[in-house]
Amino acid sequence: MELLARFEIKKKLAKELVTKVGEQHIRENIKYVFEKKPNIEVSNMAEYIIRAIEEN
Protein backbone atom coordinates (compact mmCIF):
# COMPACT_ATOMS: atom_id res chain seq x y z
CA MET A 1 0.00 0.00 0.00
CA GLU A 2 2.94 2.32 0.65
CA LEU A 3 4.12 1.76 -2.90
CA LEU A 4 0.73 2.72 -4.29
CA ALA A 5 0.63 5.78 -2.03
CA ARG A 6 3.82 7.01 -3.72
CA PHE A 7 1.80 7.31 -6.91
CA GLU A 8 -0.96 9.21 -5.10
CA ILE A 9 -3.38 6.31 -5.18
CA LYS A 10 -5.89 6.76 -2.38
CA LYS A 11 -5.62 4.45 0.60
CA LYS A 12 -9.10 2.96 0.15
CA LEU A 13 -8.45 2.03 -3.49
CA ALA A 14 -4.98 0.71 -2.61
CA LYS A 15 -6.53 -1.60 0.01
CA GLU A 16 -9.09 -2.82 -2.50
CA LEU A 17 -6.40 -3.56 -5.09
CA VAL A 18 -4.20 -5.42 -2.61
CA THR A 19 -7.17 -7.49 -1.46
CA LYS A 20 -8.37 -8.16 -5.00
CA VAL A 21 -5.12 -9.01 -6.83
CA GLY A 22 -2.38 -9.30 -4.20
CA GLU A 23 0.84 -7.48 -3.54
CA GLN A 24 2.97 -9.47 -5.97
CA HIS A 25 0.63 -8.73 -8.89
CA ILE A 26 0.74 -5.01 -8.05
CA ARG A 27 4.55 -4.97 -7.86
CA GLU A 28 4.87 -6.82 -11.17
CA ASN A 29 2.58 -4.37 -12.95
CA ILE A 30 4.32 -1.30 -11.54
CA LYS A 31 7.66 -2.79 -12.57
CA TYR A 32 6.28 -3.46 -16.04
CA VAL A 33 5.06 0.12 -16.40
CA PHE A 34 8.49 1.53 -15.56
CA GLU A 35 10.66 -1.04 -17.37
CA LYS A 36 8.68 -1.68 -20.53
CA LYS A 37 7.05 1.69 -21.05
CA PRO A 38 9.63 4.27 -19.91
CA ASN A 39 9.22 6.54 -22.93
CA ILE A 40 5.47 6.90 -23.01
CA GLU A 41 3.83 10.13 -21.97
CA VAL A 42 1.22 9.62 -19.29
CA SER A 43 -0.86 12.52 -18.06
CA ASN A 44 -2.07 10.66 -14.95
CA MET A 45 0.40 8.07 -13.69
CA ALA A 46 -1.87 6.88 -10.87
CA GLU A 47 -4.69 6.15 -13.30
CA TYR A 48 -2.30 4.40 -15.70
CA ILE A 49 -0.92 2.18 -12.93
CA ILE A 50 -4.41 1.32 -11.66
CA ARG A 51 -5.45 0.34 -15.17
CA ALA A 52 -2.31 -1.78 -15.62
CA ILE A 53 -3.00 -3.58 -12.35
CA GLU A 54 -6.67 -4.20 -13.12
CA GLU A 55 -6.08 -5.31 -16.70
CA ASN A 56 -2.75 -7.04 -16.06
PDB file of N, CA and C in Angstrom:
ATOM      1  N   MET A   1       0.816  -1.182   0.000  1.00  0.00           N
ATOM      2  CA  MET A   1       0.000   0.000   0.000  1.00  0.00           C
ATOM      3  C   MET A   1       0.867   1.255   0.000  1.00  0.00           C
ATOM      4  N   GLU A   2       2.028   1.179   0.641  1.00  0.00           N
ATOM      5  CA  GLU A   2       2.942   2.323   0.647  1.00  0.00           C
ATOM      6  C   GLU A   2       3.428   2.620  -0.767  1.00  0.00           C
ATOM      7  N   LEU A   3       3.677   1.582  -1.520  1.00  0.00           N
ATOM      8  CA  LEU A   3       4.122   1.764  -2.901  1.00  0.00           C
ATOM      9  C   LEU A   3       3.051   2.470  -3.721  1.00  0.00           C
ATOM     10  N   LEU A   4       1.818   2.075  -3.565  1.00  0.00           N
ATOM     11  CA  LEU A   4       0.725   2.718  -4.287  1.00  0.00           C
ATOM     12  C   LEU A   4       0.535   4.161  -3.823  1.00  0.00           C
ATOM     13  N   ALA A   5       0.755   4.417  -2.562  1.00  0.00           N
ATOM     14  CA  ALA A   5       0.629   5.775  -2.030  1.00  0.00           C
ATOM     15  C   ALA A   5       1.650   6.708  -2.676  1.00  0.00           C
ATOM     16  N   ARG A   6       2.790   6.192  -3.042  1.00  0.00           N
ATOM     17  CA  ARG A   6       3.816   7.007  -3.721  1.00  0.00           C
ATOM     18  C   ARG A   6       3.311   7.568  -5.044  1.00  0.00           C
ATOM     19  N   PHE A   7       2.366   6.874  -5.630  1.00  0.00           N
ATOM     20  CA  PHE A   7       1.802   7.315  -6.908  1.00  0.00           C
ATOM     21  C   PHE A   7       0.468   8.030  -6.705  1.00  0.00           C
ATOM     22  N   GLU A   8       0.229   8.444  -5.465  1.00  0.00           N
ATOM     23  CA  GLU A   8      -0.960   9.207  -5.101  1.00  0.00           C
ATOM     24  C   GLU A   8      -2.263   8.442  -5.323  1.00  0.00           C
ATOM     25  N   ILE A   9      -2.177   7.140  -5.119  1.00  0.00           N
ATOM     26  CA  ILE A   9      -3.376   6.308  -5.182  1.00  0.00           C
ATOM     27  C   ILE A   9      -3.974   6.291  -3.779  1.00  0.00           C
ATOM     28  N   LYS A  10      -5.235   6.632  -3.681  1.00  0.00           N
ATOM     29  CA  LYS A  10      -5.895   6.756  -2.381  1.00  0.00           C
ATOM     30  C   LYS A  10      -5.854   5.453  -1.599  1.00  0.00           C
ATOM     31  N   LYS A  11      -5.770   5.593  -0.291  1.00  0.00           N
ATOM     32  CA  LYS A  11      -5.621   4.451   0.604  1.00  0.00           C
ATOM     33  C   LYS A  11      -6.735   3.420   0.428  1.00  0.00           C
ATOM     34  N   LYS A  12      -7.965   3.877   0.296  1.00  0.00           N
ATOM     35  CA  LYS A  12      -9.104   2.962   0.146  1.00  0.00           C
ATOM     36  C   LYS A  12      -8.968   2.120  -1.117  1.00  0.00           C
ATOM     37  N   LEU A  13      -8.616   2.755  -2.231  1.00  0.00           N
ATOM     38  CA  LEU A  13      -8.446   2.031  -3.487  1.00  0.00           C
ATOM     39  C   LEU A  13      -7.239   1.098  -3.405  1.00  0.00           C
ATOM     40  N   ALA A  14      -6.168   1.555  -2.770  1.00  0.00           N
ATOM     41  CA  ALA A  14      -4.983   0.714  -2.610  1.00  0.00           C
ATOM     42  C   ALA A  14      -5.335  -0.562  -1.850  1.00  0.00           C
ATOM     43  N   LYS A  15      -6.105  -0.424  -0.766  1.00  0.00           N
ATOM     44  CA  LYS A  15      -6.530  -1.597   0.008  1.00  0.00           C
ATOM     45  C   LYS A  15      -7.347  -2.553  -0.858  1.00  0.00           C
ATOM     46  N   GLU A  16      -8.259  -1.993  -1.630  1.00  0.00           N
ATOM     47  CA  GLU A  16      -9.095  -2.817  -2.504  1.00  0.00           C
ATOM     48  C   GLU A  16      -8.248  -3.587  -3.513  1.00  0.00           C
ATOM     49  N   LEU A  17      -7.261  -2.908  -4.100  1.00  0.00           N
ATOM     50  CA  LEU A  17      -6.403  -3.563  -5.086  1.00  0.00           C
ATOM     51  C   LEU A  17      -5.572  -4.669  -4.458  1.00  0.00           C
ATOM     52  N   VAL A  18      -5.007  -4.403  -3.290  1.00  0.00           N
ATOM     53  CA  VAL A  18      -4.198  -5.417  -2.613  1.00  0.00           C
ATOM     54  C   VAL A  18      -5.050  -6.632  -2.281  1.00  0.00           C
ATOM     55  N   THR A  19      -6.253  -6.388  -1.804  1.00  0.00           N
ATOM     56  CA  THR A  19      -7.165  -7.489  -1.464  1.00  0.00           C
ATOM     57  C   THR A  19      -7.575  -8.268  -2.709  1.00  0.00           C
ATOM     58  N   LYS A  20      -7.852  -7.546  -3.775  1.00  0.00           N
ATOM     59  CA  LYS A  20      -8.368  -8.163  -5.003  1.00  0.00           C
ATOM     60  C   LYS A  20      -7.303  -8.958  -5.762  1.00  0.00           C
ATOM     61  N   VAL A  21      -6.113  -8.369  -5.956  1.00  0.00           N
ATOM     62  CA  VAL A  21      -5.121  -9.013  -6.832  1.00  0.00           C
ATOM     63  C   VAL A  21      -3.839  -9.429  -6.130  1.00  0.00           C
ATOM     64  N   GLY A  22      -3.575  -8.920  -4.949  1.00  0.00           N
ATOM     65  CA  GLY A  22      -2.380  -9.299  -4.205  1.00  0.00           C
ATOM     66  C   GLY A  22      -1.193  -8.386  -4.468  1.00  0.00           C
ATOM     67  N   GLU A  23      -0.330  -8.359  -3.494  1.00  0.00           N
ATOM     68  CA  GLU A  23       0.838  -7.476  -3.538  1.00  0.00           C
ATOM     69  C   GLU A  23       1.779  -7.809  -4.692  1.00  0.00           C
ATOM     70  N   GLN A  24       2.042  -9.075  -4.916  1.00  0.00           N
ATOM     71  CA  GLN A  24       2.975  -9.471  -5.975  1.00  0.00           C
ATOM     72  C   GLN A  24       2.488  -9.005  -7.347  1.00  0.00           C
ATOM     73  N   HIS A  25       1.220  -9.162  -7.612  1.00  0.00           N
ATOM     74  CA  HIS A  25       0.633  -8.728  -8.888  1.00  0.00           C
ATOM     75  C   HIS A  25       0.809  -7.218  -9.067  1.00  0.00           C
ATOM     76  N   ILE A  26       0.592  -6.474  -8.003  1.00  0.00           N
ATOM     77  CA  ILE A  26       0.744  -5.013  -8.054  1.00  0.00           C
ATOM     78  C   ILE A  26       2.184  -4.651  -8.347  1.00  0.00           C
ATOM     79  N   ARG A  27       3.116  -5.264  -7.643  1.00  0.00           N
ATOM     80  CA  ARG A  27       4.546  -4.970  -7.859  1.00  0.00           C
ATOM     81  C   ARG A  27       4.967  -5.305  -9.295  1.00  0.00           C
ATOM     82  N   GLU A  28       4.514  -6.422  -9.805  1.00  0.00           N
ATOM     83  CA  GLU A  28       4.866  -6.822 -11.165  1.00  0.00           C
ATOM     84  C   GLU A  28       4.350  -5.822 -12.193  1.00  0.00           C
ATOM     85  N   ASN A  29       3.150  -5.325 -12.000  1.00  0.00           N
ATOM     86  CA  ASN A  29       2.582  -4.373 -12.947  1.00  0.00           C
ATOM     87  C   ASN A  29       3.244  -3.010 -12.860  1.00  0.00           C
ATOM     88  N   ILE A  30       3.605  -2.573 -11.679  1.00  0.00           N
ATOM     89  CA  ILE A  30       4.323  -1.298 -11.544  1.00  0.00           C
ATOM     90  C   ILE A  30       5.701  -1.428 -12.185  1.00  0.00           C
ATOM     91  N   LYS A  31       6.352  -2.545 -11.957  1.00  0.00           N
ATOM     92  CA  LYS A  31       7.662  -2.790 -12.569  1.00  0.00           C
ATOM     93  C   LYS A  31       7.542  -2.785 -14.088  1.00  0.00           C
ATOM     94  N   TYR A  32       6.513  -3.426 -14.601  1.00  0.00           N
ATOM     95  CA  TYR A  32       6.276  -3.459 -16.043  1.00  0.00           C
ATOM     96  C   TYR A  32       6.114  -2.050 -16.605  1.00  0.00           C
ATOM     97  N   VAL A  33       5.312  -1.257 -15.932  1.00  0.00           N
ATOM     98  CA  VAL A  33       5.063   0.117 -16.399  1.00  0.00           C
ATOM     99  C   VAL A  33       6.381   0.877 -16.530  1.00  0.00           C
ATOM    100  N   PHE A  34       7.260   0.747 -15.548  1.00  0.00           N
ATOM    101  CA  PHE A  34       8.487   1.530 -15.565  1.00  0.00           C
ATOM    102  C   PHE A  34       9.610   0.913 -16.388  1.00  0.00           C
ATOM    103  N   GLU A  35       9.618  -0.398 -16.570  1.00  0.00           N
ATOM    104  CA  GLU A  35      10.665  -1.037 -17.368  1.00  0.00           C
ATOM    105  C   GLU A  35      10.305  -1.118 -18.843  1.00  0.00           C
ATOM    106  N   LYS A  36       9.074  -1.444 -19.140  1.00  0.00           N
ATOM    107  CA  LYS A  36       8.676  -1.679 -20.525  1.00  0.00           C
ATOM    108  C   LYS A  36       8.133  -0.442 -21.223  1.00  0.00           C
ATOM    109  N   LYS A  37       7.680   0.506 -20.462  1.00  0.00           N
ATOM    110  CA  LYS A  37       7.048   1.689 -21.048  1.00  0.00           C
ATOM    111  C   LYS A  37       7.691   2.989 -20.562  1.00  0.00           C
ATOM    112  N   PRO A  38       9.014   3.067 -20.493  1.00  0.00           N
ATOM    113  CA  PRO A  38       9.633   4.271 -19.913  1.00  0.00           C
ATOM    114  C   PRO A  38       9.496   5.523 -20.777  1.00  0.00           C
ATOM    115  N   ASN A  39       9.239   5.385 -22.038  1.00  0.00           N
ATOM    116  CA  ASN A  39       9.217   6.538 -22.932  1.00  0.00           C
ATOM    117  C   ASN A  39       7.821   7.032 -23.286  1.00  0.00           C
ATOM    118  N   ILE A  40       6.814   6.447 -22.684  1.00  0.00           N
ATOM    119  CA  ILE A  40       5.470   6.901 -23.010  1.00  0.00           C
ATOM    120  C   ILE A  40       5.118   8.122 -22.159  1.00  0.00           C
ATOM    121  N   GLU A  41       4.290   8.965 -22.716  1.00  0.00           N
ATOM    122  CA  GLU A  41       3.825  10.127 -21.972  1.00  0.00           C
ATOM    123  C   GLU A  41       2.490   9.776 -21.327  1.00  0.00           C
ATOM    124  N   VAL A  42       2.423   9.938 -20.030  1.00  0.00           N
ATOM    125  CA  VAL A  42       1.220   9.624 -19.285  1.00  0.00           C
ATOM    126  C   VAL A  42       0.817  10.867 -18.514  1.00  0.00           C
ATOM    127  N   SER A  43      -0.403  11.314 -18.740  1.00  0.00           N
ATOM    128  CA  SER A  43      -0.861  12.518 -18.056  1.00  0.00           C
ATOM    129  C   SER A  43      -1.243  12.242 -16.605  1.00  0.00           C
ATOM    130  N   ASN A  44      -1.676  11.013 -16.308  1.00  0.00           N
ATOM    131  CA  ASN A  44      -2.075  10.661 -14.954  1.00  0.00           C
ATOM    132  C   ASN A  44      -1.476   9.300 -14.613  1.00  0.00           C
ATOM    133  N   MET A  45      -0.318   9.310 -13.973  1.00  0.00           N
ATOM    134  CA  MET A  45       0.404   8.072 -13.686  1.00  0.00           C
ATOM    135  C   MET A  45      -0.398   7.154 -12.766  1.00  0.00           C
ATOM    136  N   ALA A  46      -1.083   7.707 -11.783  1.00  0.00           N
ATOM    137  CA  ALA A  46      -1.872   6.883 -10.866  1.00  0.00           C
ATOM    138  C   ALA A  46      -2.940   6.114 -11.637  1.00  0.00           C
ATOM    139  N   GLU A  47      -3.644   6.794 -12.504  1.00  0.00           N
ATOM    140  CA  GLU A  47      -4.693   6.150 -13.301  1.00  0.00           C
ATOM    141  C   GLU A  47      -4.099   5.079 -14.214  1.00  0.00           C
ATOM    142  N   TYR A  48      -2.963   5.352 -14.802  1.00  0.00           N
ATOM    143  CA  TYR A  48      -2.301   4.397 -15.696  1.00  0.00           C
ATOM    144  C   TYR A  48      -1.896   3.138 -14.928  1.00  0.00           C
ATOM    145  N   ILE A  49      -1.339   3.317 -13.741  1.00  0.00           N
ATOM    146  CA  ILE A  49      -0.916   2.177 -12.927  1.00  0.00           C
ATOM    147  C   ILE A  49      -2.126   1.359 -12.485  1.00  0.00           C
ATOM    148  N   ILE A  50      -3.192   2.028 -12.069  1.00  0.00           N
ATOM    149  CA  ILE A  50      -4.411   1.322 -11.660  1.00  0.00           C
ATOM    150  C   ILE A  50      -4.937   0.481 -12.817  1.00  0.00           C
ATOM    151  N   ARG A  51      -4.955   1.062 -13.991  1.00  0.00           N
ATOM    152  CA  ARG A  51      -5.448   0.335 -15.172  1.00  0.00           C
ATOM    153  C   ARG A  51      -4.558  -0.869 -15.483  1.00  0.00           C
ATOM    154  N   ALA A  52      -3.247  -0.678 -15.380  1.00  0.00           N
ATOM    155  CA  ALA A  52      -2.313  -1.784 -15.624  1.00  0.00           C
ATOM    156  C   ALA A  52      -2.545  -2.915 -14.632  1.00  0.00           C
ATOM    157  N   ILE A  53      -2.765  -2.566 -13.371  1.00  0.00           N
ATOM    158  CA  ILE A  53      -3.003  -3.584 -12.351  1.00  0.00           C
ATOM    159  C   ILE A  53      -4.310  -4.316 -12.619  1.00  0.00           C
ATOM    160  N   GLU A  54      -5.363  -3.578 -12.906  1.00  0.00           N
ATOM    161  CA  GLU A  54      -6.667  -4.199 -13.117  1.00  0.00           C
ATOM    162  C   GLU A  54      -6.732  -5.035 -14.387  1.00  0.00           C
ATOM    163  N   GLU A  55      -6.025  -4.612 -15.422  1.00  0.00           N
ATOM    164  CA  GLU A  55      -6.084  -5.308 -16.702  1.00  0.00           C
ATOM    165  C   GLU A  55      -4.918  -6.270 -16.912  1.00  0.00           C
ATOM    166  N   ASN A  56      -3.940  -6.219 -15.992  1.00  0.00           N
ATOM    167  CA  ASN A  56      -2.746  -7.042 -16.056  1.00  0.00           C
ATOM    168  C   ASN A  56      -2.051  -6.866 -17.389  1.00  0.00           C
TER     169      ASN A  56
END
